[in-house]
């Protein structure tokens, strides 16, 4: 195993969720969606939301059932969620996965595009993000792992990262960002869901799917905040990558640069949300909670390499012909987002390292 492979492996463990952790993630997102549907007084809107949930569940089921045939891939009902969380927390060596899961749930926005004819109706469905956030915070506080302050910091750091990367000064609604990001992937379906690319991006278990079924399965995963590993998982039982780890070229194992490139070429909005999540985990978990400067530096270094790969791809497209104008613009936007995110993380890490040095004297 060479140095690059070892780097990938360590990052995979950092941003990877096991089968059980993935099921906890999706089951919590399902719980909050059902909560939102229960708040919806308009019966027609509630029905549309329920239709979305059924289709989203189907896409997630496709992955969980195929990822590990020996495990129980059924969604965990709310009454059992707390006990399953408690059991997983007790047997875990560290809590990074838990922070990532909490962040993904806090920033989850249901009713995203699923690549079908119903997407126009789903677009009209509104998620009560304020009530959803409070319900999720209450749920996670009951588990006794994170304080109210730490949960708030995860949410605020993510929002601040979005604003800093885009330079919009707090004018972007987080829920809209998430919905637009997944919608952008759906709009680019012809490119990103072509057989080989879809399999590389979302895992070999989708190889037997095509058309609407493939699109729905992939979009369900993306909307849930995760990228599938596929092929029966990877080292350590890792099944999905979350928390922005996909930007580091982890999903799919050995096809790092190609996967990250394919994603950002089609949907720079998705790059934005993943970069903000990556920043949040680096600042609030890897540095503030774990004081792991070395890992933070590795993440920044890896992201810089991804930017280099994108610049190479950009040069190829610009040299080829003018027909690549849209793809060129997408890559330029993604590179801009990644550079800004990388700069923010570098400044934060350097300041943190300096602070540690001062404290130790």
Foldseek 3Di string as FASTA:
>chain_A
DDPVLVLLVVLCVLQFDFLLLVLLLVLLLLVLLVVQLVVDPPPVLSVLSVVQSVLLVVLQLLQSCQLDVVDDNDRDHPVCSLVSVLVVVVPDPDCSSVLQSLLLSLLFAGLADQLDPSNVVSVPRDGPSVVSNVVSLVVVVVSVPDDSVLSVLLVVLLQVLLCQLVVVNNPDDSNVLLRLQLVLCSVLCVQCVDQVNLCQWAEVSCNPPDDSSSSNNQSSQVSSAWGAQYPNADPPNGGTGGQLSLLLQNRPRPRRLVNNLSSQLRGLSSLSSSLSSVLSSVQSPCPVPVVPLVSLVSSLVSNVVSLVSLVVVLVVVVVPDCVCVSSNVSSVSNSSSSVSSSVVSVVSSVVSVVVVVVVVD
